[in-house]
Amino acid sequence: MAGVFEVEVDGVEHDHGLEHHNEPNQFDVSKLSPEEKWRVEHAKMHAKHKGHEAMHAEMVLILIVTLVVTQLVLVQWKQRHPKSYNLVTLFQMWVVPLYFTTKLHWWRFLSTWFIFSVITAYISFRATRKPLACTTPRLVYKWFLLLYKISYAIGIFGYSVVMFTLFGINLIFRIKPEDAMDFGVSLLFYGLYYGVLGRDFAEMCADFMASTVGYYSASGMPTKHLSDNICAVCGQPILVDVSEEGIIENTYRLSCNHVFHEFCIRGWCIVGKKQMCPYCKEKVDLKRMFSNPWERPHVMYGQLLDWLRYLVAWQPVIIGFVQGINYTLGLE
């Protein structure tokens, strides 16, 4: 059905209602192009919100105050009760995107989310068993280290696609800009989301396993005596000398002279975010530990994921809280 309406041009309202059929400035909405329809809707939105400057200023003030207050509350919560904060944050990161993607019918994301959840649930189940199997620590660290590298590669590739699209390189391959941008942004989202979520699950598994079978304890006192040929993370013998090149993995010696399997200490320091020796709690010198300059961006990427956790887990909750306040006060 064709429709006509009223718009405002240069401060003068022009009624395009049913009682003015003979006016020359009347036009049919159904005959407009998509771009013209967007402009008309934009003009209608401005006309609707005209004279509401005070209300808009009040809404902006509510948003700023809420962001500041919630940030202070989250910082204090994290400092005073880190375990509950990390648990709630992990749950929100796992569930909040699931709600929106289900509502939008993003089946591709839901498929990857289901696969990730099944494998991670199995790994987490193995990590929380008592007594812990000897092969479990290495299994846990290998999975999260693999997930970390895959998410890092996907995120970098997605970012590269976005940048190539901005420079018009996609036209060489006859790919539409909108298609290339959607593909790049999707890959960037997948890489960042699973990178953040995997790091938090690794944090939980690392804490539990270290206090169960390793030599690290929450009080800082070693629970066992560490032999020279035993890895303090997994409790298994070290077969490759520090000076030798391993076929599958190498052996690393920290600045405190304690030695560890490569997969174990990499998972402990980078994936599990433990910047200390699992045995004596001395601070780990990552620059000395990773001499290869191409591996250092992984540490910077891990710090970026820590910052993005706030945006993924708490930003939707804060925005929803602000909308609730606006709705209670009658603000639109």
C-alpha atoms as a PDB file:
ATOM      1  CA  MET A   1       0.000   0.000   0.000  1.00  0.00           C
ATOM      2  CA  ALA A   2       1.392   3.396  -0.930  1.00  0.00           C
ATOM      3  CA  GLY A   3       1.882   5.893   1.871  1.00  0.00           C
ATOM      4  CA  VAL A   4       2.284   9.640   2.129  1.00  0.00           C
ATOM      5  CA  PHE A   5       3.512  11.603   5.123  1.00  0.00           C
ATOM      6  CA  GLU A   6       4.475  14.947   6.549  1.00  0.00           C
ATOM      7  CA  VAL A   7       8.026  16.285   6.442  1.00  0.00           C
ATOM      8  CA  GLU A   8       9.661  19.520   7.491  1.00  0.00           C
ATOM      9  CA  VAL A   9      11.771  21.510   5.044  1.00  0.00           C
ATOM     10  CA  ASP A  10      13.630  24.699   6.056  1.00  0.00           C
ATOM     11  CA  GLY A  11      11.659  24.944   9.273  1.00  0.00           C
ATOM     12  CA  VAL A  12       8.238  24.766   7.511  1.00  0.00           C
ATOM     13  CA  GLU A  13       6.117  21.665   7.910  1.00  0.00           C
ATOM     14  CA  HIS A  14       4.546  20.226   4.776  1.00  0.00           C
ATOM     15  CA  ASP A  15       1.636  17.918   5.367  1.00  0.00           C
ATOM     16  CA  HIS A  16       1.503  14.978   2.998  1.00  0.00           C
ATOM     17  CA  GLY A  17      -1.522  13.426   4.651  1.00  0.00           C
ATOM     18  CA  LEU A  18      -4.721  12.175   3.142  1.00  0.00           C
ATOM     19  CA  GLU A  19      -6.527  15.526   3.187  1.00  0.00           C
ATOM     20  CA  HIS A  20      -4.064  17.181   0.772  1.00  0.00           C
ATOM     21  CA  HIS A  21      -4.223  14.962  -2.279  1.00  0.00           C
ATOM     22  CA  ASN A  22      -3.974  17.787  -4.786  1.00  0.00           C
ATOM     23  CA  GLU A  23      -0.815  19.486  -3.501  1.00  0.00           C
ATOM     24  CA  PRO A  24       2.076  19.392  -5.984  1.00  0.00           C
ATOM     25  CA  ASN A  25       4.731  18.571  -3.329  1.00  0.00           C
ATOM     26  CA  GLN A  26       3.136  15.253  -2.397  1.00  0.00           C
ATOM     27  CA  PHE A  27       5.096  12.098  -3.243  1.00  0.00           C
ATOM     28  CA  ASP A  28       4.677   8.367  -2.861  1.00  0.00           C
ATOM     29  CA  VAL A  29       7.075   6.573  -0.474  1.00  0.00           C
ATOM     30  CA  SER A  30       6.859   3.317  -2.401  1.00  0.00           C
ATOM     31  CA  LYS A  31       8.333   4.976  -5.498  1.00  0.00           C
ATOM     32  CA  LEU A  32      11.484   6.163  -3.738  1.00  0.00           C
ATOM     33  CA  SER A  33      14.866   4.514  -4.094  1.00  0.00           C
ATOM     34  CA  PRO A  34      16.449   2.860  -1.017  1.00  0.00           C
ATOM     35  CA  GLU A  35      18.806   5.794  -0.558  1.00  0.00           C
ATOM     36  CA  GLU A  36      15.932   8.287  -0.742  1.00  0.00           C
ATOM     37  CA  LYS A  37      13.911   6.227   1.733  1.00  0.00           C
ATOM     38  CA  TRP A  38      16.868   6.295   4.129  1.00  0.00           C
ATOM     39  CA  ARG A  39      17.069  10.088   3.817  1.00  0.00           C
ATOM     40  CA  VAL A  40      13.334  10.419   4.484  1.00  0.00           C
ATOM     41  CA  GLU A  41      13.577   8.199   7.565  1.00  0.00           C
ATOM     42  CA  HIS A  42      16.565  10.240   8.733  1.00  0.00           C
ATOM     43  CA  ALA A  43      14.587  13.453   8.336  1.00  0.00           C
ATOM     44  CA  LYS A  44      11.640  11.956  10.213  1.00  0.00           C
ATOM     45  CA  MET A  45      13.930  10.947  13.071  1.00  0.00           C
ATOM     46  CA  HIS A  46      15.295  14.499  13.344  1.00  0.00           C
ATOM     47  CA  ALA A  47      11.770  15.909  13.268  1.00  0.00           C
ATOM     48  CA  LYS A  48      10.699  13.495  15.997  1.00  0.00           C
ATOM     49  CA  HIS A  49      13.570  14.468  18.329  1.00  0.00           C
ATOM     50  CA  LYS A  50      13.420  18.213  17.635  1.00  0.00           C
ATOM     51  CA  GLY A  51      13.169  20.222  20.849  1.00  0.00           C
ATOM     52  CA  HIS A  52      14.445  17.335  23.020  1.00  0.00           C
ATOM     53  CA  GLU A  53      17.948  18.726  23.493  1.00  0.00           C
ATOM     54  CA  ALA A  54      17.564  18.846  27.286  1.00  0.00           C
ATOM     55  CA  MET A  55      16.389  15.234  27.365  1.00  0.00           C
ATOM     56  CA  HIS A  56      19.290  14.128  25.189  1.00  0.00           C
ATOM     57  CA  ALA A  57      21.784  15.978  27.408  1.00  0.00           C
ATOM     58  CA  GLU A  58      20.304  14.225  30.444  1.00  0.00           C
ATOM     59  CA  MET A  59      20.641  10.820  28.735  1.00  0.00           C
ATOM     60  CA  VAL A  60      24.291  11.512  27.860  1.00  0.00           C
ATOM     61  CA  LEU A  61      24.970  12.562  31.461  1.00  0.00           C
ATOM     62  CA  ILE A  62      23.372   9.345  32.748  1.00  0.00           C
ATOM     63  CA  LEU A  63      25.522   7.318  30.365  1.00  0.00           C
ATOM     64  CA  ILE A  64      28.777   9.004  31.434  1.00  0.00           C
ATOM     65  CA  VAL A  65      28.017   8.736  35.167  1.00  0.00           C
ATOM     66  CA  THR A  66      27.002   5.085  34.819  1.00  0.00           C
ATOM     67  CA  LEU A  67      30.173   4.216  32.913  1.00  0.00           C
ATOM     68  CA  VAL A  68      32.373   5.881  35.546  1.00  0.00           C
ATOM     69  CA  VAL A  69      30.556   4.343  38.520  1.00  0.00           C
ATOM     70  CA  THR A  70      30.422   0.828  37.039  1.00  0.00           C
ATOM     71  CA  GLN A  71      34.102   0.997  36.122  1.00  0.00           C
ATOM     72  CA  LEU A  72      35.001   1.884  39.707  1.00  0.00           C
ATOM     73  CA  VAL A  73      32.764  -0.899  41.038  1.00  0.00           C
ATOM     74  CA  LEU A  74      34.307  -3.469  38.674  1.00  0.00           C
ATOM     75  CA  VAL A  75      37.852  -2.430  39.615  1.00  0.00           C
ATOM     76  CA  GLN A  76      37.105  -2.730  43.343  1.00  0.00           C
ATOM     77  CA  TRP A  77      35.323  -6.037  42.830  1.00  0.00           C
ATOM     78  CA  LYS A  78      38.270  -7.420  40.880  1.00  0.00           C
ATOM     79  CA  GLN A  79      40.758  -6.311  43.536  1.00  0.00           C
ATOM     80  CA  ARG A  80      38.780  -7.501  46.570  1.00  0.00           C
ATOM     81  CA  HIS A  81      37.137 -10.669  45.200  1.00  0.00           C
ATOM     82  CA  PRO A  82      39.054 -11.763  42.084  1.00  0.00           C
ATOM     83  CA  LYS A  83      37.706 -15.315  42.005  1.00  0.00           C
ATOM     84  CA  SER A  84      34.042 -14.326  41.938  1.00  0.00           C
ATOM     85  CA  TYR A  85      34.787 -11.540  39.455  1.00  0.00           C
ATOM     86  CA  ASN A  86      36.586 -13.887  37.075  1.00  0.00           C
ATOM     87  CA  LEU A  87      33.858 -16.508  37.376  1.00  0.00           C
ATOM     88  CA  VAL A  88      31.034 -14.059  36.632  1.00  0.00           C
ATOM     89  CA  THR A  89      32.999 -12.474  33.792  1.00  0.00           C
ATOM     90  CA  LEU A  90      33.700 -15.875  32.242  1.00  0.00           C
ATOM     91  CA  PHE A  91      30.026 -16.844  32.466  1.00  0.00           C
ATOM     92  CA  GLN A  92      28.899 -13.585  30.830  1.00  0.00           C
ATOM     93  CA  MET A  93      31.460 -13.885  28.044  1.00  0.00           C
ATOM     94  CA  TRP A  94      30.209 -17.378  27.359  1.00  0.00           C
ATOM     95  CA  VAL A  95      26.458 -16.613  27.471  1.00  0.00           C
ATOM     96  CA  VAL A  96      25.943 -12.989  26.330  1.00  0.00           C
ATOM     97  CA  PRO A  97      27.168 -13.478  22.721  1.00  0.00           C
ATOM     98  CA  LEU A  98      25.151 -16.709  22.579  1.00  0.00           C
ATOM     99  CA  TYR A  99      21.962 -14.773  23.332  1.00  0.00           C
ATOM    100  CA  PHE A 100      22.484 -12.161  20.619  1.00  0.00           C
ATOM    101  CA  THR A 101      23.672 -14.615  17.952  1.00  0.00           C
ATOM    102  CA  THR A 102      20.709 -16.927  18.615  1.00  0.00           C
ATOM    103  CA  LYS A 103      18.351 -13.977  18.331  1.00  0.00           C
ATOM    104  CA  LEU A 104      19.987 -12.932  15.035  1.00  0.00           C
ATOM    105  CA  HIS A 105      20.144 -16.537  13.720  1.00  0.00           C
ATOM    106  CA  TRP A 106      23.913 -16.554  13.210  1.00  0.00           C
ATOM    107  CA  TRP A 107      24.136 -20.311  12.772  1.00  0.00           C
ATOM    108  CA  ARG A 108      27.791 -20.316  11.741  1.00  0.00           C
ATOM    109  CA  PHE A 109      28.825 -18.751  15.026  1.00  0.00           C
ATOM    110  CA  LEU A 110      26.506 -21.057  16.959  1.00  0.00           C
ATOM    111  CA  SER A 111      28.150 -24.088  15.311  1.00  0.00           C
ATOM    112  CA  THR A 112      31.672 -22.967  16.254  1.00  0.00           C
ATOM    113  CA  TRP A 113      30.466 -22.011  19.742  1.00  0.00           C
ATOM    114  CA  PHE A 114      28.996 -25.488  20.247  1.00  0.00           C
ATOM    115  CA  ILE A 115      32.202 -27.231  19.099  1.00  0.00           C
ATOM    116  CA  PHE A 116      34.335 -24.988  21.301  1.00  0.00           C
ATOM    117  CA  SER A 117      32.047 -25.535  24.299  1.00  0.00           C
ATOM    118  CA  VAL A 118      32.068 -29.331  23.974  1.00  0.00           C
ATOM    119  CA  ILE A 119      35.867 -29.617  23.698  1.00  0.00           C
ATOM    120  CA  THR A 120      36.549 -27.028  26.404  1.00  0.00           C
ATOM    121  CA  ALA A 121      34.024 -28.654  28.738  1.00  0.00           C
ATOM    122  CA  TYR A 122      35.811 -31.981  28.321  1.00  0.00           C
ATOM    123  CA  ILE A 123      39.223 -30.382  28.912  1.00  0.00           C
ATOM    124  CA  SER A 124      37.946 -28.520  31.982  1.00  0.00           C
ATOM    125  CA  PHE A 125      36.394 -31.735  33.300  1.00  0.00           C
ATOM    126  CA  ARG A 126      39.749 -33.514  32.971  1.00  0.00           C
ATOM    127  CA  ALA A 127      41.513 -30.619  34.700  1.00  0.00           C
ATOM    128  CA  THR A 128      39.236 -30.699  37.762  1.00  0.00           C
ATOM    129  CA  ARG A 129      39.422 -34.443  38.449  1.00  0.00           C
ATOM    130  CA  LYS A 130      41.069 -35.839  41.582  1.00  0.00           C
ATOM    131  CA  PRO A 131      43.419 -37.586  41.381  1.00  0.00           C
ATOM    132  CA  LEU A 132      44.674 -35.920  38.226  1.00  0.00           C
ATOM    133  CA  ALA A 133      45.921 -38.147  35.414  1.00  0.00           C
ATOM    134  CA  CYS A 134      49.558 -37.689  34.437  1.00  0.00           C
ATOM    135  CA  THR A 135      48.649 -36.819  30.840  1.00  0.00           C
ATOM    136  CA  THR A 136      46.005 -34.227  31.735  1.00  0.00           C
ATOM    137  CA  PRO A 137      48.218 -31.151  32.337  1.00  0.00           C
ATOM    138  CA  ARG A 138      49.917 -31.442  28.974  1.00  0.00           C
ATOM    139  CA  LEU A 139      46.571 -32.091  27.276  1.00  0.00           C
ATOM    140  CA  VAL A 140      45.079 -28.981  28.862  1.00  0.00           C
ATOM    141  CA  TYR A 141      47.972 -26.679  27.991  1.00  0.00           C
ATOM    142  CA  LYS A 142      48.286 -28.011  24.444  1.00  0.00           C
ATOM    143  CA  TRP A 143      44.591 -27.401  23.759  1.00  0.00           C
ATOM    144  CA  PHE A 144      44.545 -23.853  25.073  1.00  0.00           C
ATOM    145  CA  LEU A 145      47.882 -23.040  23.457  1.00  0.00           C
ATOM    146  CA  LEU A 146      46.527 -24.339  20.127  1.00  0.00           C
ATOM    147  CA  LEU A 147      43.320 -22.347  20.598  1.00  0.00           C
ATOM    148  CA  TYR A 148      45.352 -19.266  21.456  1.00  0.00           C
ATOM    149  CA  LYS A 149      47.465 -19.540  18.290  1.00  0.00           C
ATOM    150  CA  ILE A 150      44.457 -20.228  16.056  1.00  0.00           C
ATOM    151  CA  SER A 151      42.520 -17.258  17.434  1.00  0.00           C
ATOM    152  CA  TYR A 152      45.601 -15.071  17.058  1.00  0.00           C
ATOM    153  CA  ALA A 153      46.059 -16.114  13.406  1.00  0.00           C
ATOM    154  CA  ILE A 154      42.364 -15.654  12.582  1.00  0.00           C
ATOM    155  CA  GLY A 155      42.293 -12.234  14.234  1.00  0.00           C
ATOM    156  CA  ILE A 156      45.383 -11.051  12.344  1.00  0.00           C
ATOM    157  CA  PHE A 157      44.017 -12.385   9.048  1.00  0.00           C
ATOM    158  CA  GLY A 158      40.664 -10.682   9.624  1.00  0.00           C
ATOM    159  CA  TYR A 159      42.379  -7.402  10.448  1.00  0.00           C
ATOM    160  CA  SER A 160      44.473  -7.711   7.274  1.00  0.00           C
ATOM    161  CA  VAL A 161      41.336  -8.275   5.171  1.00  0.00           C
ATOM    162  CA  VAL A 162      39.756  -5.158   6.671  1.00  0.00           C
ATOM    163  CA  MET A 163      42.840  -3.056   5.926  1.00  0.00           C
ATOM    164  CA  PHE A 164      43.112  -4.432   2.361  1.00  0.00           C
ATOM    165  CA  THR A 165      39.470  -3.535   1.821  1.00  0.00           C
ATOM    166  CA  LEU A 166      40.026   0.011   3.045  1.00  0.00           C
ATOM    167  CA  PHE A 167      42.890   0.367   0.532  1.00  0.00           C
ATOM    168  CA  GLY A 168      40.770  -1.090  -2.288  1.00  0.00           C
ATOM    169  CA  ILE A 169      42.877  -4.218  -2.852  1.00  0.00           C
ATOM    170  CA  ASN A 170      39.686  -6.307  -2.903  1.00  0.00           C
ATOM    171  CA  LEU A 171      38.824  -4.750  -6.287  1.00  0.00           C
ATOM    172  CA  ILE A 172      41.767  -6.597  -7.840  1.00  0.00           C
ATOM    173  CA  PHE A 173      40.004  -9.876  -7.080  1.00  0.00           C
ATOM    174  CA  ARG A 174      36.604  -8.434  -8.130  1.00  0.00           C
ATOM    175  CA  ILE A 175      35.200  -8.736  -4.602  1.00  0.00           C
ATOM    176  CA  LYS A 176      32.571  -6.245  -3.497  1.00  0.00           C
ATOM    177  CA  PRO A 177      33.743  -3.936  -0.664  1.00  0.00           C
ATOM    178  CA  GLU A 178      30.790  -4.818   1.554  1.00  0.00           C
ATOM    179  CA  ASP A 179      31.429  -8.554   1.135  1.00  0.00           C
ATOM    180  CA  ALA A 180      35.152  -8.212   1.862  1.00  0.00           C
ATOM    181  CA  MET A 181      34.502  -6.000   4.888  1.00  0.00           C
ATOM    182  CA  ASP A 182      31.894  -8.382   6.303  1.00  0.00           C
ATOM    183  CA  PHE A 183      34.303 -11.301   5.875  1.00  0.00           C
ATOM    184  CA  GLY A 184      37.182  -9.455   7.561  1.00  0.00           C
ATOM    185  CA  VAL A 185      35.093  -8.173  10.477  1.00  0.00           C
ATOM    186  CA  SER A 186      33.639 -11.657  11.032  1.00  0.00           C
ATOM    187  CA  LEU A 187      37.100 -13.235  11.195  1.00  0.00           C
ATOM    188  CA  LEU A 188      38.289 -10.483  13.534  1.00  0.00           C
ATOM    189  CA  PHE A 189      35.309 -11.114  15.806  1.00  0.00           C
ATOM    190  CA  TYR A 190      35.912 -14.872  15.875  1.00  0.00           C
ATOM    191  CA  GLY A 191      39.589 -14.454  16.672  1.00  0.00           C
ATOM    192  CA  LEU A 192      39.107 -11.947  19.459  1.00  0.00           C
ATOM    193  CA  TYR A 193      36.110 -13.653  21.053  1.00  0.00           C
ATOM    194  CA  TYR A 194      37.585 -17.151  21.247  1.00  0.00           C
ATOM    195  CA  GLY A 195      40.946 -15.693  22.235  1.00  0.00           C
ATOM    196  CA  VAL A 196      39.376 -13.931  25.229  1.00  0.00           C
ATOM    197  CA  LEU A 197      37.193 -16.881  26.197  1.00  0.00           C
ATOM    198  CA  GLY A 198      40.015 -19.401  25.858  1.00  0.00           C
ATOM    199  CA  ARG A 199      42.334 -17.348  28.059  1.00  0.00           C
ATOM    200  CA  ASP A 200      39.794 -17.200  30.852  1.00  0.00           C
ATOM    201  CA  PHE A 201      39.138 -20.941  30.748  1.00  0.00           C
ATOM    202  CA  ALA A 202      42.914 -21.466  30.757  1.00  0.00           C
ATOM    203  CA  GLU A 203      43.153 -19.264  33.846  1.00  0.00           C
ATOM    204  CA  MET A 204      40.651 -21.423  35.688  1.00  0.00           C
ATOM    205  CA  CYS A 205      42.286 -24.706  34.673  1.00  0.00           C
ATOM    206  CA  ALA A 206      45.806 -23.412  35.418  1.00  0.00           C
ATOM    207  CA  ASP A 207      44.883 -22.362  38.957  1.00  0.00           C
ATOM    208  CA  PHE A 208      43.169 -25.642  39.756  1.00  0.00           C
ATOM    209  CA  MET A 209      45.834 -27.935  38.320  1.00  0.00           C
ATOM    210  CA  ALA A 210      48.734 -25.992  39.812  1.00  0.00           C
ATOM    211  CA  SER A 211      47.253 -26.277  43.293  1.00  0.00           C
ATOM    212  CA  THR A 212      46.396 -29.965  42.776  1.00  0.00           C
ATOM    213  CA  VAL A 213      49.443 -31.674  41.269  1.00  0.00           C
ATOM    214  CA  GLY A 214      52.099 -28.993  40.911  1.00  0.00           C
ATOM    215  CA  TYR A 215      54.270 -27.191  43.416  1.00  0.00           C
ATOM    216  CA  TYR A 216      52.457 -23.866  43.377  1.00  0.00           C
ATOM    217  CA  SER A 217      50.031 -22.963  46.172  1.00  0.00           C
ATOM    218  CA  ALA A 218      47.889 -19.905  46.849  1.00  0.00           C
ATOM    219  CA  SER A 219      49.877 -19.119  50.010  1.00  0.00           C
ATOM    220  CA  GLY A 220      53.127 -19.038  48.029  1.00  0.00           C
ATOM    221  CA  MET A 221      54.735 -21.961  49.874  1.00  0.00           C
ATOM    222  CA  PRO A 222      55.766 -24.969  47.730  1.00  0.00           C
ATOM    223  CA  THR A 223      53.808 -28.098  48.593  1.00  0.00           C
ATOM    224  CA  LYS A 224      56.592 -30.481  47.503  1.00  0.00           C
ATOM    225  CA  HIS A 225      60.335 -30.549  47.014  1.00  0.00           C
ATOM    226  CA  LEU A 226      61.275 -29.885  43.401  1.00  0.00           C
ATOM    227  CA  SER A 227      63.882 -32.183  41.843  1.00  0.00           C
ATOM    228  CA  ASP A 228      66.196 -30.887  39.157  1.00  0.00           C
ATOM    229  CA  ASN A 229      64.677 -33.047  36.414  1.00  0.00           C
ATOM    230  CA  ILE A 230      60.980 -32.482  37.250  1.00  0.00           C
ATOM    231  CA  CYS A 231      58.668 -29.889  35.681  1.00  0.00           C
ATOM    232  CA  ALA A 232      56.919 -27.894  38.407  1.00  0.00           C
ATOM    233  CA  VAL A 233      53.760 -27.447  36.330  1.00  0.00           C
ATOM    234  CA  CYS A 234      52.912 -30.990  35.239  1.00  0.00           C
ATOM    235  CA  GLY A 235      55.094 -32.960  37.654  1.00  0.00           C
ATOM    236  CA  GLN A 236      56.576 -35.078  34.826  1.00  0.00           C
ATOM    237  CA  PRO A 237      60.312 -35.726  34.161  1.00  0.00           C
ATOM    238  CA  ILE A 238      62.247 -33.449  31.832  1.00  0.00           C
ATOM    239  CA  LEU A 239      63.904 -35.503  29.100  1.00  0.00           C
ATOM    240  CA  VAL A 240      65.542 -32.756  27.014  1.00  0.00           C
ATOM    241  CA  ASP A 241      68.378 -30.658  28.402  1.00  0.00           C
ATOM    242  CA  VAL A 242      68.086 -26.873  28.321  1.00  0.00           C
ATOM    243  CA  SER A 243      71.015 -26.601  25.905  1.00  0.00           C
ATOM    244  CA  GLU A 244      69.583 -29.211  23.523  1.00  0.00           C
ATOM    245  CA  GLU A 245      67.074 -28.743  20.698  1.00  0.00           C
ATOM    246  CA  GLY A 246      63.993 -30.909  21.236  1.00  0.00           C
ATOM    247  CA  ILE A 247      62.149 -32.686  18.443  1.00  0.00           C
ATOM    248  CA  ILE A 248      58.653 -31.904  19.756  1.00  0.00           C
ATOM    249  CA  GLU A 249      59.318 -29.316  22.461  1.00  0.00           C
ATOM    250  CA  ASN A 250      62.261 -27.662  24.175  1.00  0.00           C
ATOM    251  CA  THR A 251      63.109 -27.161  27.833  1.00  0.00           C
ATOM    252  CA  TYR A 252      63.159 -23.652  29.304  1.00  0.00           C
ATOM    253  CA  ARG A 253      65.051 -22.366  32.329  1.00  0.00           C
ATOM    254  CA  LEU A 254      63.668 -19.303  34.101  1.00  0.00           C
ATOM    255  CA  SER A 255      65.735 -16.575  35.746  1.00  0.00           C
ATOM    256  CA  CYS A 256      65.268 -18.424  39.047  1.00  0.00           C
ATOM    257  CA  ASN A 257      67.037 -21.498  37.520  1.00  0.00           C
ATOM    258  CA  HIS A 258      63.933 -23.716  37.617  1.00  0.00           C
ATOM    259  CA  VAL A 259      63.331 -25.712  34.417  1.00  0.00           C
ATOM    260  CA  PHE A 260      60.034 -26.579  32.706  1.00  0.00           C
ATOM    261  CA  HIS A 261      58.613 -28.213  29.623  1.00  0.00           C
ATOM    262  CA  GLU A 262      58.054 -25.743  26.793  1.00  0.00           C
ATOM    263  CA  PHE A 263      54.321 -26.385  26.487  1.00  0.00           C
ATOM    264  CA  CYS A 264      53.842 -26.233  30.236  1.00  0.00           C
ATOM    265  CA  ILE A 265      55.648 -22.950  30.887  1.00  0.00           C
ATOM    266  CA  ARG A 266      54.249 -21.291  27.765  1.00  0.00           C
ATOM    267  CA  GLY A 267      50.753 -22.203  28.862  1.00  0.00           C
ATOM    268  CA  TRP A 268      51.486 -21.073  32.385  1.00  0.00           C
ATOM    269  CA  CYS A 269      53.004 -17.693  31.471  1.00  0.00           C
ATOM    270  CA  ILE A 270      51.123 -16.642  28.354  1.00  0.00           C
ATOM    271  CA  VAL A 271      47.870 -18.564  28.073  1.00  0.00           C
ATOM    272  CA  GLY A 272      47.259 -18.827  31.797  1.00  0.00           C
ATOM    273  CA  LYS A 273      48.571 -15.294  32.447  1.00  0.00           C
ATOM    274  CA  LYS A 274      50.907 -16.461  35.226  1.00  0.00           C
ATOM    275  CA  GLN A 275      53.843 -14.028  35.278  1.00  0.00           C
ATOM    276  CA  MET A 276      55.714 -15.925  37.992  1.00  0.00           C
ATOM    277  CA  CYS A 277      57.597 -19.142  38.541  1.00  0.00           C
ATOM    278  CA  PRO A 278      55.152 -21.947  39.467  1.00  0.00           C
ATOM    279  CA  TYR A 279      57.532 -23.105  42.201  1.00  0.00           C
ATOM    280  CA  CYS A 280      59.116 -20.086  43.887  1.00  0.00           C
ATOM    281  CA  LYS A 281      56.714 -17.352  42.606  1.00  0.00           C
ATOM    282  CA  GLU A 282      59.582 -15.235  41.273  1.00  0.00           C
ATOM    283  CA  LYS A 283      58.509 -12.856  38.505  1.00  0.00           C
ATOM    284  CA  VAL A 284      59.163 -14.315  35.041  1.00  0.00           C
ATOM    285  CA  ASP A 285      61.218 -12.272  32.589  1.00  0.00           C
ATOM    286  CA  LEU A 286      59.316 -12.894  29.358  1.00  0.00           C
ATOM    287  CA  LYS A 287      61.777 -10.862  27.234  1.00  0.00           C
ATOM    288  CA  ARG A 288      64.640 -13.080  28.345  1.00  0.00           C
ATOM    289  CA  MET A 289      62.565 -16.231  28.119  1.00  0.00           C
ATOM    290  CA  PHE A 290      61.361 -15.654  24.545  1.00  0.00           C
ATOM    291  CA  SER A 291      64.382 -14.517  22.567  1.00  0.00           C
ATOM    292  CA  ASN A 292      62.601 -14.910  19.214  1.00  0.00           C
ATOM    293  CA  PRO A 293      61.211 -11.445  18.360  1.00  0.00           C
ATOM    294  CA  TRP A 294      58.363 -12.960  16.340  1.00  0.00           C
ATOM    295  CA  GLU A 295      56.958 -14.543  19.535  1.00  0.00           C
ATOM    296  CA  ARG A 296      56.752 -11.332  21.539  1.00  0.00           C
ATOM    297  CA  PRO A 297      53.604 -10.050  19.782  1.00  0.00           C
ATOM    298  CA  HIS A 298      51.784 -13.004  21.355  1.00  0.00           C
ATOM    299  CA  VAL A 299      52.353 -11.382  24.746  1.00  0.00           C
ATOM    300  CA  MET A 300      51.071  -8.027  23.477  1.00  0.00           C
ATOM    301  CA  TYR A 301      48.077  -9.802  21.943  1.00  0.00           C
ATOM    302  CA  GLY A 302      47.346 -11.372  25.312  1.00  0.00           C
ATOM    303  CA  GLN A 303      47.288  -7.925  26.930  1.00  0.00           C
ATOM    304  CA  LEU A 304      44.878  -6.748  24.224  1.00  0.00           C
ATOM    305  CA  LEU A 305      42.549  -9.644  25.026  1.00  0.00           C
ATOM    306  CA  ASP A 306      42.519  -8.612  28.681  1.00  0.00           C
ATOM    307  CA  TRP A 307      41.238  -5.187  27.643  1.00  0.00           C
ATOM    308  CA  LEU A 308      38.655  -6.644  25.252  1.00  0.00           C
ATOM    309  CA  ARG A 309      37.224  -8.840  27.999  1.00  0.00           C
ATOM    310  CA  TYR A 310      35.675  -5.755  29.539  1.00  0.00           C
ATOM    311  CA  LEU A 311      33.999  -4.809  26.256  1.00  0.00           C
ATOM    312  CA  VAL A 312      32.670  -8.309  25.575  1.00  0.00           C
ATOM    313  CA  ALA A 313      31.459  -9.232  29.058  1.00  0.00           C
ATOM    314  CA  TRP A 314      30.451  -6.001  30.764  1.00  0.00           C
ATOM    315  CA  GLN A 315      29.684  -3.418  28.072  1.00  0.00           C
ATOM    316  CA  PRO A 316      26.326  -5.001  27.044  1.00  0.00           C
ATOM    317  CA  VAL A 317      25.320  -5.213  30.710  1.00  0.00           C
ATOM    318  CA  ILE A 318      26.189  -1.558  31.306  1.00  0.00           C
ATOM    319  CA  ILE A 319      24.319  -0.402  28.196  1.00  0.00           C
ATOM    320  CA  GLY A 320      21.291  -2.441  29.251  1.00  0.00           C
ATOM    321  CA  PHE A 321      21.451  -0.888  32.722  1.00  0.00           C
ATOM    322  CA  VAL A 322      21.569   2.604  31.184  1.00  0.00           C
ATOM    323  CA  GLN A 323      18.559   1.834  29.009  1.00  0.00           C
ATOM    324  CA  GLY A 324      16.699   0.615  32.079  1.00  0.00           C
ATOM    325  CA  ILE A 325      17.392   3.913  33.853  1.00  0.00           C
ATOM    326  CA  ASN A 326      16.220   5.896  30.824  1.00  0.00           C
ATOM    327  CA  TYR A 327      13.068   3.820  30.588  1.00  0.00           C
ATOM    328  CA  THR A 328      12.330   4.300  34.302  1.00  0.00           C
ATOM    329  CA  LEU A 329      12.739   8.065  33.980  1.00  0.00           C
ATOM    330  CA  GLY A 330      10.616   8.213  30.804  1.00  0.00           C
ATOM    331  CA  LEU A 331      13.517   9.220  28.554  1.00  0.00           C
ATOM    332  CA  GLU A 332      13.637   8.179  24.878  1.00  0.00           C
END
